[in-house]
C-alpha atoms as a PDB file:
ATOM      1  CA  MET A   1      24.400 -96.408  27.556  1.00  0.00           C
ATOM      2  CA  ASP A   2      25.954 -96.837  30.986  1.00  0.00           C
ATOM      3  CA  TRP A   3      25.175 -94.455  33.783  1.00  0.00           C
ATOM      4  CA  THR A   4      28.651 -94.082  35.247  1.00  0.00           C
ATOM      5  CA  PRO A   5      29.026 -92.189  38.523  1.00  0.00           C
ATOM      6  CA  GLU A   6      30.503 -89.257  36.573  1.00  0.00           C
ATOM      7  CA  ARG A   7      27.523 -89.126  34.204  1.00  0.00           C
ATOM      8  CA  VAL A   8      25.076 -89.374  37.120  1.00  0.00           C
ATOM      9  CA  THR A   9      26.862 -86.498  38.881  1.00  0.00           C
ATOM     10  CA  MET A  10      26.744 -84.419  35.698  1.00  0.00           C
ATOM     11  CA  LEU A  11      23.031 -85.227  35.278  1.00  0.00           C
ATOM     12  CA  GLN A  12      22.334 -84.136  38.853  1.00  0.00           C
ATOM     13  CA  GLN A  13      24.266 -80.883  38.419  1.00  0.00           C
ATOM     14  CA  LEU A  14      22.641 -80.003  35.105  1.00  0.00           C
ATOM     15  CA  TRP A  15      19.202 -80.936  36.432  1.00  0.00           C
ATOM     16  CA  GLY A  16      19.773 -78.754  39.497  1.00  0.00           C
ATOM     17  CA  ASN A  17      20.815 -75.850  37.270  1.00  0.00           C
ATOM     18  CA  GLY A  18      17.498 -76.002  35.431  1.00  0.00           C
ATOM     19  CA  PHE A  19      18.610 -77.518  32.132  1.00  0.00           C
ATOM     20  CA  SER A  20      15.902 -79.328  30.188  1.00  0.00           C
ATOM     21  CA  ALA A  21      16.064 -83.092  29.681  1.00  0.00           C
ATOM     22  CA  SER A  22      16.832 -82.511  25.986  1.00  0.00           C
ATOM     23  CA  GLU A  23      19.689 -80.154  26.841  1.00  0.00           C
ATOM     24  CA  ILE A  24      21.093 -82.628  29.370  1.00  0.00           C
ATOM     25  CA  ALA A  25      20.920 -85.465  26.822  1.00  0.00           C
ATOM     26  CA  GLY A  26      22.813 -83.303  24.346  1.00  0.00           C
ATOM     27  CA  LYS A  27      25.515 -82.421  26.881  1.00  0.00           C
ATOM     28  CA  LEU A  28      25.918 -86.017  28.068  1.00  0.00           C
ATOM     29  CA  GLY A  29      25.935 -87.397  24.531  1.00  0.00           C
ATOM     30  CA  GLY A  30      24.926 -90.916  23.580  1.00  0.00           C
ATOM     31  CA  THR A  31      21.591 -90.764  25.415  1.00  0.00           C
ATOM     32  CA  THR A  32      18.044 -89.628  24.813  1.00  0.00           C
ATOM     33  CA  ARG A  33      15.751 -87.162  26.484  1.00  0.00           C
ATOM     34  CA  ASN A  34      13.565 -90.031  27.718  1.00  0.00           C
ATOM     35  CA  ALA A  35      16.570 -91.818  29.247  1.00  0.00           C
ATOM     36  CA  VAL A  36      17.457 -88.624  31.125  1.00  0.00           C
ATOM     37  CA  ILE A  37      13.880 -88.256  32.397  1.00  0.00           C
ATOM     38  CA  GLY A  38      13.802 -91.906  33.487  1.00  0.00           C
ATOM     39  CA  LYS A  39      17.118 -91.659  35.325  1.00  0.00           C
ATOM     40  CA  ALA A  40      16.086 -88.392  36.998  1.00  0.00           C
ATOM     41  CA  HIS A  41      12.916 -90.109  38.181  1.00  0.00           C
ATOM     42  CA  ARG A  42      14.824 -93.123  39.535  1.00  0.00           C
ATOM     43  CA  LEU A  43      17.245 -90.780  41.324  1.00  0.00           C
ATOM     44  CA  HIS A  44      14.255 -88.985  42.873  1.00  0.00           C
ATOM     45  CA  LEU A  45      15.437 -85.634  41.552  1.00  0.00           C
ATOM     46  CA  PRO A  46      12.958 -82.851  42.315  1.00  0.00           C
ATOM     47  CA  ALA A  47      10.194 -82.448  39.773  1.00  0.00           C
ATOM     48  CA  ARG A  48      10.170 -79.345  37.654  1.00  0.00           C
ATOM     49  CA  PRO A  49       7.459 -76.812  38.391  1.00  0.00           C
ATOM     50  CA  SER A  50       4.599 -76.906  35.936  1.00  0.00           C
ATOM     51  CA  PRO A  51       4.501 -74.046  33.479  1.00  0.00           C
ATOM     52  CA  VAL A  52       2.317 -71.226  34.696  1.00  0.00           C
ATOM     53  CA  LYS A  53      -1.048 -71.445  33.005  1.00  0.00           C
ATOM     54  CA  LEU A  54      -2.255 -67.990  32.109  1.00  0.00           C
ATOM     55  CA  LYS A  55      -5.915 -67.211  32.112  1.00  0.00           C
ATOM     56  CA  PRO A  56      -7.145 -66.493  28.620  1.00  0.00           C
ATOM     57  CA  ASN A  57      -7.586 -62.824  27.894  1.00  0.00           C
ATOM     58  CA  LYS A  58     -11.107 -61.569  28.135  1.00  0.00           C
ATOM     59  CA  PRO A  59     -12.416 -60.153  24.885  1.00  0.00           C
ATOM     60  CA  MET A  60     -12.147 -56.406  24.629  1.00  0.00           C
ATOM     61  CA  VAL A  61     -15.470 -54.627  24.652  1.00  0.00           C
ATOM     62  CA  VAL A  62     -16.209 -53.390  21.187  1.00  0.00           C
ATOM     63  CA  MET A  63     -16.828 -49.666  21.232  1.00  0.00           C
ATOM     64  CA  SER A  64     -19.909 -48.528  19.378  1.00  0.00           C
ATOM     65  CA  ASP A  65     -20.649 -45.065  18.020  1.00  0.00           C
ATOM     66  CA  ARG A  66     -22.954 -44.548  20.991  1.00  0.00           C
ATOM     67  CA  MET A  67     -20.270 -45.079  23.638  1.00  0.00           C
ATOM     68  CA  CYS A  68     -18.075 -42.309  25.071  1.00  0.00           C
ATOM     69  CA  ARG A  69     -14.487 -42.631  23.856  1.00  0.00           C
ATOM     70  CA  TRP A  70     -12.907 -40.510  26.602  1.00  0.00           C
ATOM     71  CA  PRO A  71      -9.712 -42.328  27.692  1.00  0.00           C
ATOM     72  CA  GLN A  72      -9.294 -43.066  31.384  1.00  0.00           C
ATOM     73  CA  GLY A  73      -5.746 -43.723  32.544  1.00  0.00           C
ATOM     74  CA  HIS A  74      -2.627 -44.287  30.459  1.00  0.00           C
ATOM     75  CA  PRO A  75      -2.679 -46.822  27.595  1.00  0.00           C
ATOM     76  CA  ASN A  76       0.499 -48.519  28.847  1.00  0.00           C
ATOM     77  CA  GLU A  77      -0.798 -49.050  32.379  1.00  0.00           C
ATOM     78  CA  PRO A  78      -3.111 -51.748  33.708  1.00  0.00           C
ATOM     79  CA  GLY A  79      -6.699 -50.670  34.085  1.00  0.00           C
ATOM     80  CA  PHE A  80      -6.688 -48.374  31.054  1.00  0.00           C
ATOM     81  CA  LYS A  81     -10.179 -48.044  29.606  1.00  0.00           C
ATOM     82  CA  PHE A  82     -12.614 -45.722  27.910  1.00  0.00           C
ATOM     83  CA  CYS A  83     -15.581 -44.089  29.642  1.00  0.00           C
ATOM     84  CA  GLY A  84     -18.224 -46.029  27.690  1.00  0.00           C
ATOM     85  CA  GLU A  85     -21.223 -43.938  28.811  1.00  0.00           C
ATOM     86  CA  ALA A  86     -23.883 -42.835  26.317  1.00  0.00           C
ATOM     87  CA  VAL A  87     -22.669 -40.040  24.030  1.00  0.00           C
ATOM     88  CA  GLU A  88     -24.287 -36.719  23.213  1.00  0.00           C
ATOM     89  CA  ALA A  89     -25.825 -36.743  19.746  1.00  0.00           C
ATOM     90  CA  GLY A  90     -23.173 -36.093  17.092  1.00  0.00           C
ATOM     91  CA  ARG A  91     -20.313 -36.063  19.623  1.00  0.00           C
ATOM     92  CA  PRO A  92     -17.745 -38.731  20.552  1.00  0.00           C
ATOM     93  CA  TYR A  93     -18.115 -38.085  24.303  1.00  0.00           C
ATOM     94  CA  CYS A  94     -20.749 -38.210  27.050  1.00  0.00           C
ATOM     95  CA  THR A  95     -22.094 -34.954  28.538  1.00  0.00           C
ATOM     96  CA  THR A  96     -19.479 -34.858  31.306  1.00  0.00           C
ATOM     97  CA  HIS A  97     -16.562 -35.330  28.944  1.00  0.00           C
ATOM     98  CA  CYS A  98     -18.023 -32.981  26.320  1.00  0.00           C
ATOM     99  CA  ASN A  99     -17.967 -30.297  29.015  1.00  0.00           C
ATOM    100  CA  GLN A 100     -14.261 -30.988  29.539  1.00  0.00           C
ATOM    101  CA  ALA A 101     -13.367 -31.288  25.855  1.00  0.00           C
ATOM    102  CA  TYR A 102     -15.387 -28.426  24.387  1.00  0.00           C
ATOM    103  CA  ARG A 103     -15.127 -25.110  26.231  1.00  0.00           C
ATOM    104  CA  LYS A 104     -16.367 -21.735  25.170  1.00  0.00           C
ATOM    105  CA  LYS A 105     -13.692 -19.124  24.507  1.00  0.00           C
ATOM    106  CA  ASP A 106     -14.530 -17.089  27.612  1.00  0.00           C
ATOM    107  CA  GLU A 107     -14.312 -20.241  29.814  1.00  0.00           C
ATOM    108  CA  SER A 108     -10.893 -21.252  28.457  1.00  0.00           C
ATOM    109  CA  ALA A 109      -9.496 -17.739  28.946  1.00  0.00           C
ATOM    110  CA  ALA A 110     -10.665 -17.740  32.579  1.00  0.00           C
ATOM    111  CA  ALA A 111      -9.081 -21.130  33.280  1.00  0.00           C
END
């Protein structure tokens, strides 16, 4: 395969527009991905940025029956969590959150 000036210009344009080497090879026709990469290297075209490496997710803390399940924040927002403090016996919440969740009738009428 000959690298004519027209093909080199097309390679440079496609490379600059962010096309992958495989896509460029397909558009040029009659060449391979590796030939495109080699020519781009010889032309000193700018290297592509490396893919962003994400940190692996930390394992979610497993809630036990002895941990308060009072939600803190909104589930769709970052930082959402559960209280996690020790629960009152037979209840799903800690003392503080039991006081918020379970009110006597006279307290709720006054509020």
